[in-house]
Amino acid sequence: MLAKRLTPILNVSNIRESFAWFEKLGWEKGWDWGDPPSFGGVCSGECEIFLCENGQGGRGKSDVKMTFGAESDEAAETGVWMSIWVDDVDAVYQHCIAQGLEVTWPPTDEPWGVREMHVRHPMGMSSE
């Protein structure tokens, strides 16, 4: 099998608040479905993430502030992790801080050859 595309589906507790959060991150609401909406998508260029209110997957957040490193507990997180590849992690970091988003791992040069950061969606998902 050769996958041509991947569309993650995230379980969220409030789709409208999730659209707003992703817009702060710099993504755009692509579409929604239902009245009131319970399913939809956010887009950045050719990338898309589906959001499903109260369904399709797990969500959760531990009380641990860091999602990575010595002060983290990755096993305590029950949400979804996604890697979002960007050209300038430091610019994304500054944008997230300006928008008041919860950064759980600052931009760090990792030993596997990437500069990585983590930001937590308020309903428990982490992105890098």
N, C-alpha and C. Protein backbone atom coordinates (compact mmCIF):
# COMPACT_ATOMS: atom_id res chain seq x y z
N MET A 1 0.84 -1.18 0.00
CA MET A 1 0.00 0.00 0.00
C MET A 1 0.88 1.24 0.00
N LEU A 2 0.53 2.21 -0.82
CA LEU A 2 1.19 3.51 -0.84
C LEU A 2 0.13 4.55 -0.55
N ALA A 3 0.17 5.13 0.64
CA ALA A 3 -0.81 6.15 1.01
C ALA A 3 -0.57 7.41 0.19
N LYS A 4 -1.63 8.03 -0.27
CA LYS A 4 -1.54 9.26 -1.06
C LYS A 4 -1.82 10.49 -0.23
N ARG A 5 -2.55 10.32 0.88
CA ARG A 5 -2.96 11.46 1.70
C ARG A 5 -3.36 10.94 3.07
N LEU A 6 -3.22 11.77 4.07
CA LEU A 6 -3.63 11.42 5.42
C LEU A 6 -4.47 12.56 5.98
N THR A 7 -5.66 12.23 6.49
CA THR A 7 -6.51 13.25 7.11
C THR A 7 -6.83 12.80 8.53
N PRO A 8 -6.17 13.37 9.52
CA PRO A 8 -6.50 13.02 10.90
C PRO A 8 -7.91 13.52 11.25
N ILE A 9 -8.60 12.76 12.09
CA ILE A 9 -9.91 13.15 12.60
C ILE A 9 -9.78 13.29 14.10
N LEU A 10 -10.01 14.49 14.61
CA LEU A 10 -9.84 14.76 16.03
C LEU A 10 -11.19 14.85 16.73
N ASN A 11 -11.30 14.20 17.85
CA ASN A 11 -12.48 14.27 18.70
C ASN A 11 -12.38 15.54 19.53
N VAL A 12 -13.37 16.42 19.41
CA VAL A 12 -13.38 17.68 20.17
C VAL A 12 -14.68 17.80 20.94
N SER A 13 -14.66 18.54 22.02
CA SER A 13 -15.89 18.72 22.81
C SER A 13 -16.72 19.90 22.34
N ASN A 14 -16.12 20.83 21.58
CA ASN A 14 -16.86 21.97 21.06
C ASN A 14 -16.25 22.36 19.72
N ILE A 15 -16.96 22.07 18.64
CA ILE A 15 -16.39 22.28 17.31
C ILE A 15 -16.20 23.76 17.00
N ARG A 16 -17.11 24.61 17.44
CA ARG A 16 -16.97 26.04 17.15
C ARG A 16 -15.74 26.62 17.86
N GLU A 17 -15.52 26.24 19.12
CA GLU A 17 -14.33 26.70 19.83
C GLU A 17 -13.06 26.14 19.18
N SER A 18 -13.14 24.92 18.66
CA SER A 18 -11.98 24.33 17.99
C SER A 18 -11.66 25.06 16.69
N PHE A 19 -12.69 25.43 15.92
CA PHE A 19 -12.45 26.24 14.72
C PHE A 19 -11.72 27.52 15.10
N ALA A 20 -12.18 28.18 16.15
CA ALA A 20 -11.57 29.44 16.60
C ALA A 20 -10.13 29.23 17.04
N TRP A 21 -9.86 28.12 17.74
CA TRP A 21 -8.50 27.84 18.20
C TRP A 21 -7.57 27.62 17.01
N PHE A 22 -8.01 26.83 16.04
CA PHE A 22 -7.17 26.60 14.87
C PHE A 22 -6.95 27.87 14.07
N GLU A 23 -7.94 28.77 14.04
CA GLU A 23 -7.76 30.05 13.36
C GLU A 23 -6.67 30.87 14.06
N LYS A 24 -6.61 30.83 15.39
CA LYS A 24 -5.53 31.50 16.11
C LYS A 24 -4.17 30.91 15.74
N LEU A 25 -4.14 29.60 15.48
CA LEU A 25 -2.91 28.92 15.09
C LEU A 25 -2.49 29.29 13.68
N GLY A 26 -3.42 29.88 12.91
CA GLY A 26 -3.11 30.30 11.55
C GLY A 26 -3.78 29.45 10.48
N TRP A 27 -4.62 28.50 10.88
CA TRP A 27 -5.37 27.67 9.94
C TRP A 27 -6.69 28.37 9.62
N GLU A 28 -7.40 27.86 8.61
CA GLU A 28 -8.71 28.40 8.24
C GLU A 28 -9.77 27.32 8.34
N LYS A 29 -10.96 27.72 8.75
CA LYS A 29 -12.09 26.80 8.71
C LYS A 29 -12.38 26.49 7.25
N GLY A 30 -12.39 25.21 6.90
CA GLY A 30 -12.64 24.81 5.52
C GLY A 30 -14.11 24.57 5.24
N TRP A 31 -14.79 23.92 6.19
CA TRP A 31 -16.19 23.56 6.00
C TRP A 31 -16.75 23.02 7.30
N ASP A 32 -18.06 22.96 7.40
CA ASP A 32 -18.71 22.28 8.52
C ASP A 32 -19.94 21.54 8.00
N TRP A 33 -20.44 20.62 8.81
CA TRP A 33 -21.57 19.80 8.42
C TRP A 33 -22.50 19.65 9.62
N GLY A 34 -23.80 19.79 9.36
CA GLY A 34 -24.81 19.63 10.40
C GLY A 34 -25.34 20.99 10.85
N ASP A 35 -26.51 20.94 11.49
CA ASP A 35 -27.13 22.16 11.99
C ASP A 35 -27.71 21.88 13.38
N PRO A 36 -26.99 22.23 14.44
CA PRO A 36 -25.69 22.91 14.45
C PRO A 36 -24.59 21.96 13.99
N PRO A 37 -23.46 22.52 13.55
CA PRO A 37 -22.40 21.66 13.03
C PRO A 37 -21.82 20.75 14.11
N SER A 38 -21.52 19.51 13.71
CA SER A 38 -20.86 18.56 14.61
C SER A 38 -19.65 17.93 13.94
N PHE A 39 -19.39 18.29 12.70
CA PHE A 39 -18.26 17.75 11.95
C PHE A 39 -17.77 18.84 11.01
N GLY A 40 -16.49 18.88 10.76
CA GLY A 40 -15.96 19.90 9.86
C GLY A 40 -14.48 19.72 9.65
N GLY A 41 -13.89 20.69 8.97
CA GLY A 41 -12.48 20.61 8.68
C GLY A 41 -11.81 21.97 8.74
N VAL A 42 -10.54 21.95 9.09
CA VAL A 42 -9.70 23.15 9.06
C VAL A 42 -8.57 22.88 8.07
N CYS A 43 -8.10 23.94 7.41
CA CYS A 43 -7.13 23.79 6.32
C CYS A 43 -5.96 24.75 6.48
N SER A 44 -4.81 24.28 6.00
CA SER A 44 -3.62 25.10 5.85
C SER A 44 -2.95 24.65 4.56
N GLY A 45 -3.04 25.46 3.52
CA GLY A 45 -2.52 25.02 2.23
C GLY A 45 -3.27 23.79 1.77
N GLU A 46 -2.52 22.73 1.43
CA GLU A 46 -3.14 21.48 0.99
C GLU A 46 -3.42 20.52 2.14
N CYS A 47 -3.10 20.91 3.37
CA CYS A 47 -3.31 20.05 4.53
C CYS A 47 -4.68 20.30 5.14
N GLU A 48 -5.29 19.24 5.65
CA GLU A 48 -6.62 19.35 6.25
C GLU A 48 -6.71 18.44 7.47
N ILE A 49 -7.40 18.93 8.49
CA ILE A 49 -7.70 18.14 9.69
C ILE A 49 -9.20 18.16 9.87
N PHE A 50 -9.80 16.99 10.05
CA PHE A 50 -11.23 16.90 10.34
C PHE A 50 -11.44 17.02 11.85
N LEU A 51 -12.53 17.67 12.25
CA LEU A 51 -12.91 17.80 13.65
C LEU A 51 -14.28 17.17 13.82
N CYS A 52 -14.42 16.31 14.82
CA CYS A 52 -15.69 15.64 15.08
C CYS A 52 -16.07 15.90 16.53
N GLU A 53 -17.22 16.55 16.74
CA GLU A 53 -17.65 16.87 18.10
C GLU A 53 -18.19 15.62 18.79
N ASN A 54 -17.52 15.26 19.90
CA ASN A 54 -17.92 14.14 20.76
C ASN A 54 -17.96 12.80 20.06
N GLY A 55 -17.02 12.56 19.16
CA GLY A 55 -16.97 11.27 18.49
C GLY A 55 -15.68 11.06 17.75
N GLN A 56 -15.50 9.85 17.26
CA GLN A 56 -14.36 9.46 16.43
C GLN A 56 -13.02 9.72 17.10
N GLY A 57 -12.72 8.95 18.11
CA GLY A 57 -11.42 9.03 18.75
C GLY A 57 -11.49 9.47 20.19
N GLY A 58 -10.35 9.54 20.83
CA GLY A 58 -10.28 9.94 22.21
C GLY A 58 -9.74 11.34 22.35
N ARG A 59 -9.89 11.89 23.52
CA ARG A 59 -9.28 13.17 23.83
C ARG A 59 -9.01 13.19 25.32
N GLY A 60 -8.15 14.03 25.72
CA GLY A 60 -7.85 14.12 27.13
C GLY A 60 -6.61 14.93 27.37
N LYS A 61 -6.43 15.34 28.59
CA LYS A 61 -5.31 16.18 28.96
C LYS A 61 -4.94 15.85 30.39
N SER A 62 -3.66 15.64 30.61
CA SER A 62 -3.20 15.42 31.97
C SER A 62 -2.93 16.76 32.64
N ASP A 63 -2.59 16.72 33.91
CA ASP A 63 -2.23 17.93 34.63
C ASP A 63 -0.76 18.31 34.43
N VAL A 64 -0.02 17.46 33.71
CA VAL A 64 1.39 17.71 33.45
C VAL A 64 1.49 18.85 32.43
N LYS A 65 2.30 19.87 32.73
CA LYS A 65 2.39 21.06 31.88
C LYS A 65 3.18 20.83 30.60
N MET A 66 4.18 19.95 30.63
CA MET A 66 5.03 19.73 29.47
C MET A 66 4.62 18.42 28.78
N THR A 67 4.59 18.44 27.44
CA THR A 67 4.24 17.23 26.69
C THR A 67 5.47 16.47 26.24
N PHE A 68 6.65 16.94 26.61
CA PHE A 68 7.89 16.30 26.17
C PHE A 68 8.98 16.63 27.16
N GLY A 69 10.04 15.86 27.16
CA GLY A 69 11.19 16.14 28.01
C GLY A 69 11.07 15.52 29.40
N ALA A 70 12.04 15.86 30.25
CA ALA A 70 12.15 15.24 31.58
C ALA A 70 10.96 15.53 32.49
N GLU A 71 10.29 16.66 32.29
CA GLU A 71 9.17 17.03 33.15
C GLU A 71 7.81 16.56 32.61
N SER A 72 7.83 15.74 31.56
CA SER A 72 6.58 15.31 30.93
C SER A 72 6.20 13.90 31.38
N ASP A 73 4.99 13.52 31.03
CA ASP A 73 4.52 12.15 31.21
C ASP A 73 3.66 11.81 30.00
N GLU A 74 4.32 11.40 28.90
CA GLU A 74 3.62 11.15 27.66
C GLU A 74 2.50 10.12 27.82
N ALA A 75 2.66 9.16 28.72
CA ALA A 75 1.65 8.13 28.92
C ALA A 75 0.38 8.69 29.56
N ALA A 76 0.48 9.84 30.23
CA ALA A 76 -0.69 10.43 30.89
C ALA A 76 -1.61 11.14 29.90
N GLU A 77 -1.10 11.50 28.74
CA GLU A 77 -1.90 12.19 27.73
C GLU A 77 -2.77 11.18 26.99
N THR A 78 -4.03 11.48 26.82
CA THR A 78 -4.91 10.57 26.08
C THR A 78 -5.37 11.19 24.78
N GLY A 79 -4.89 12.37 24.45
CA GLY A 79 -5.25 13.03 23.20
C GLY A 79 -4.40 12.53 22.05
N VAL A 80 -4.53 13.18 20.92
CA VAL A 80 -3.85 12.81 19.69
C VAL A 80 -2.65 13.74 19.49
N TRP A 81 -1.56 13.19 19.02
CA TRP A 81 -0.42 13.99 18.63
C TRP A 81 -0.38 14.05 17.11
N MET A 82 -0.03 15.21 16.56
CA MET A 82 0.15 15.36 15.12
C MET A 82 1.41 16.15 14.87
N SER A 83 2.15 15.78 13.86
CA SER A 83 3.28 16.58 13.41
C SER A 83 2.82 17.45 12.26
N ILE A 84 2.98 18.74 12.41
CA ILE A 84 2.67 19.70 11.34
C ILE A 84 4.00 20.30 10.93
N TRP A 85 4.44 20.00 9.74
CA TRP A 85 5.76 20.42 9.27
C TRP A 85 5.67 21.83 8.71
N VAL A 86 6.54 22.71 9.18
CA VAL A 86 6.55 24.11 8.77
C VAL A 86 7.99 24.53 8.42
N ASP A 87 8.12 25.67 7.75
CA ASP A 87 9.44 26.17 7.38
C ASP A 87 10.16 26.86 8.54
N ASP A 88 9.41 27.52 9.45
CA ASP A 88 10.03 28.32 10.50
C ASP A 88 9.33 28.09 11.83
N VAL A 89 9.82 27.13 12.60
CA VAL A 89 9.22 26.78 13.89
C VAL A 89 9.25 27.98 14.84
N ASP A 90 10.31 28.75 14.79
CA ASP A 90 10.42 29.89 15.71
C ASP A 90 9.35 30.95 15.42
N ALA A 91 9.04 31.17 14.15
CA ALA A 91 7.97 32.11 13.80
C ALA A 91 6.62 31.58 14.27
N VAL A 92 6.39 30.27 14.13
CA VAL A 92 5.14 29.67 14.63
C VAL A 92 5.06 29.82 16.14
N TYR A 93 6.17 29.60 16.82
CA TYR A 93 6.22 29.77 18.28
C TYR A 93 5.82 31.19 18.68
N GLN A 94 6.42 32.19 18.04
CA GLN A 94 6.10 33.58 18.36
C GLN A 94 4.63 33.88 18.09
N HIS A 95 4.10 33.34 17.00
CA HIS A 95 2.69 33.51 16.67
C HIS A 95 1.81 32.89 17.76
N CYS A 96 2.15 31.68 18.20
CA CYS A 96 1.36 31.00 19.24
C CYS A 96 1.37 31.78 20.55
N ILE A 97 2.54 32.28 20.93
CA ILE A 97 2.65 33.08 22.16
C ILE A 97 1.79 34.34 22.04
N ALA A 98 1.85 35.01 20.89
CA ALA A 98 1.07 36.23 20.69
C ALA A 98 -0.44 35.95 20.74
N GLN A 99 -0.84 34.74 20.34
CA GLN A 99 -2.25 34.37 20.35
C GLN A 99 -2.70 33.80 21.69
N GLY A 100 -1.78 33.65 22.64
CA GLY A 100 -2.13 33.11 23.96
C GLY A 100 -2.34 31.61 23.97
N LEU A 101 -1.75 30.88 23.00
CA LEU A 101 -1.91 29.44 22.95
C LEU A 101 -0.93 28.77 23.93
N GLU A 102 -1.30 27.60 24.41
CA GLU A 102 -0.49 26.89 25.40
C GLU A 102 0.63 26.11 24.71
N VAL A 103 1.84 26.61 24.81
CA VAL A 103 3.02 25.93 24.27
C VAL A 103 3.55 25.02 25.37
N THR A 104 3.64 23.73 25.08
CA THR A 104 4.06 22.76 26.10
C THR A 104 5.48 22.24 25.88
N TRP A 105 6.13 22.70 24.83
CA TRP A 105 7.54 22.39 24.57
C TRP A 105 8.04 23.47 23.63
N PRO A 106 8.99 24.31 24.08
CA PRO A 106 9.46 25.41 23.24
C PRO A 106 10.29 24.89 22.07
N PRO A 107 10.53 25.71 21.05
CA PRO A 107 11.37 25.27 19.93
C PRO A 107 12.71 24.74 20.43
N THR A 108 13.01 23.51 20.04
CA THR A 108 14.20 22.82 20.51
C THR A 108 14.81 22.04 19.35
N ASP A 109 16.14 22.13 19.19
CA ASP A 109 16.84 21.32 18.21
C ASP A 109 16.97 19.91 18.78
N GLU A 110 16.27 18.96 18.19
CA GLU A 110 16.23 17.60 18.69
C GLU A 110 17.34 16.75 18.08
N PRO A 111 17.78 15.70 18.79
CA PRO A 111 18.88 14.87 18.28
C PRO A 111 18.52 14.10 17.00
N TRP A 112 17.24 14.00 16.66
CA TRP A 112 16.85 13.29 15.43
C TRP A 112 16.81 14.22 14.22
N GLY A 113 17.35 15.45 14.38
CA GLY A 113 17.57 16.32 13.25
C GLY A 113 16.45 17.28 12.89
N VAL A 114 15.52 17.53 13.79
CA VAL A 114 14.47 18.51 13.53
C VAL A 114 14.43 19.53 14.66
N ARG A 115 13.94 20.71 14.36
CA ARG A 115 13.66 21.72 15.38
C ARG A 115 12.17 21.59 15.65
N GLU A 116 11.81 21.31 16.88
CA GLU A 116 10.45 20.90 17.23
C GLU A 116 9.91 21.74 18.37
N MET A 117 8.61 21.94 18.36
CA MET A 117 7.89 22.56 19.47
C MET A 117 6.55 21.85 19.60
N HIS A 118 5.91 21.99 20.74
CA HIS A 118 4.58 21.42 20.95
C HIS A 118 3.62 22.51 21.40
N VAL A 119 2.40 22.46 20.91
CA VAL A 119 1.34 23.36 21.33
C VAL A 119 0.12 22.48 21.63
N ARG A 120 -0.55 22.78 22.73
CA ARG A 120 -1.68 21.94 23.17
C ARG A 120 -3.00 22.61 22.84
N HIS A 121 -3.85 21.87 22.15
CA HIS A 121 -5.24 22.30 21.91
C HIS A 121 -5.93 22.27 23.26
N PRO A 122 -6.81 23.21 23.58
CA PRO A 122 -7.41 23.26 24.91
C PRO A 122 -8.27 22.06 25.25
N MET A 123 -8.65 21.25 24.28
CA MET A 123 -9.43 20.05 24.56
C MET A 123 -8.56 18.81 24.62
N GLY A 124 -7.23 19.00 24.71
CA GLY A 124 -6.34 17.91 25.02
C GLY A 124 -5.43 17.41 23.93
N MET A 125 -5.49 17.92 22.72
CA MET A 125 -4.63 17.42 21.67
C MET A 125 -3.34 18.20 21.64
N SER A 126 -2.27 17.56 21.25
CA SER A 126 -0.98 18.23 21.11
C SER A 126 -0.56 18.21 19.66
N SER A 127 0.04 19.27 19.20
CA SER A 127 0.57 19.35 17.84
C SER A 127 2.01 19.80 17.91
N GLU A 128 2.77 19.43 16.90
CA GLU A 128 4.14 19.92 16.85
C GLU A 128 4.44 20.48 15.50
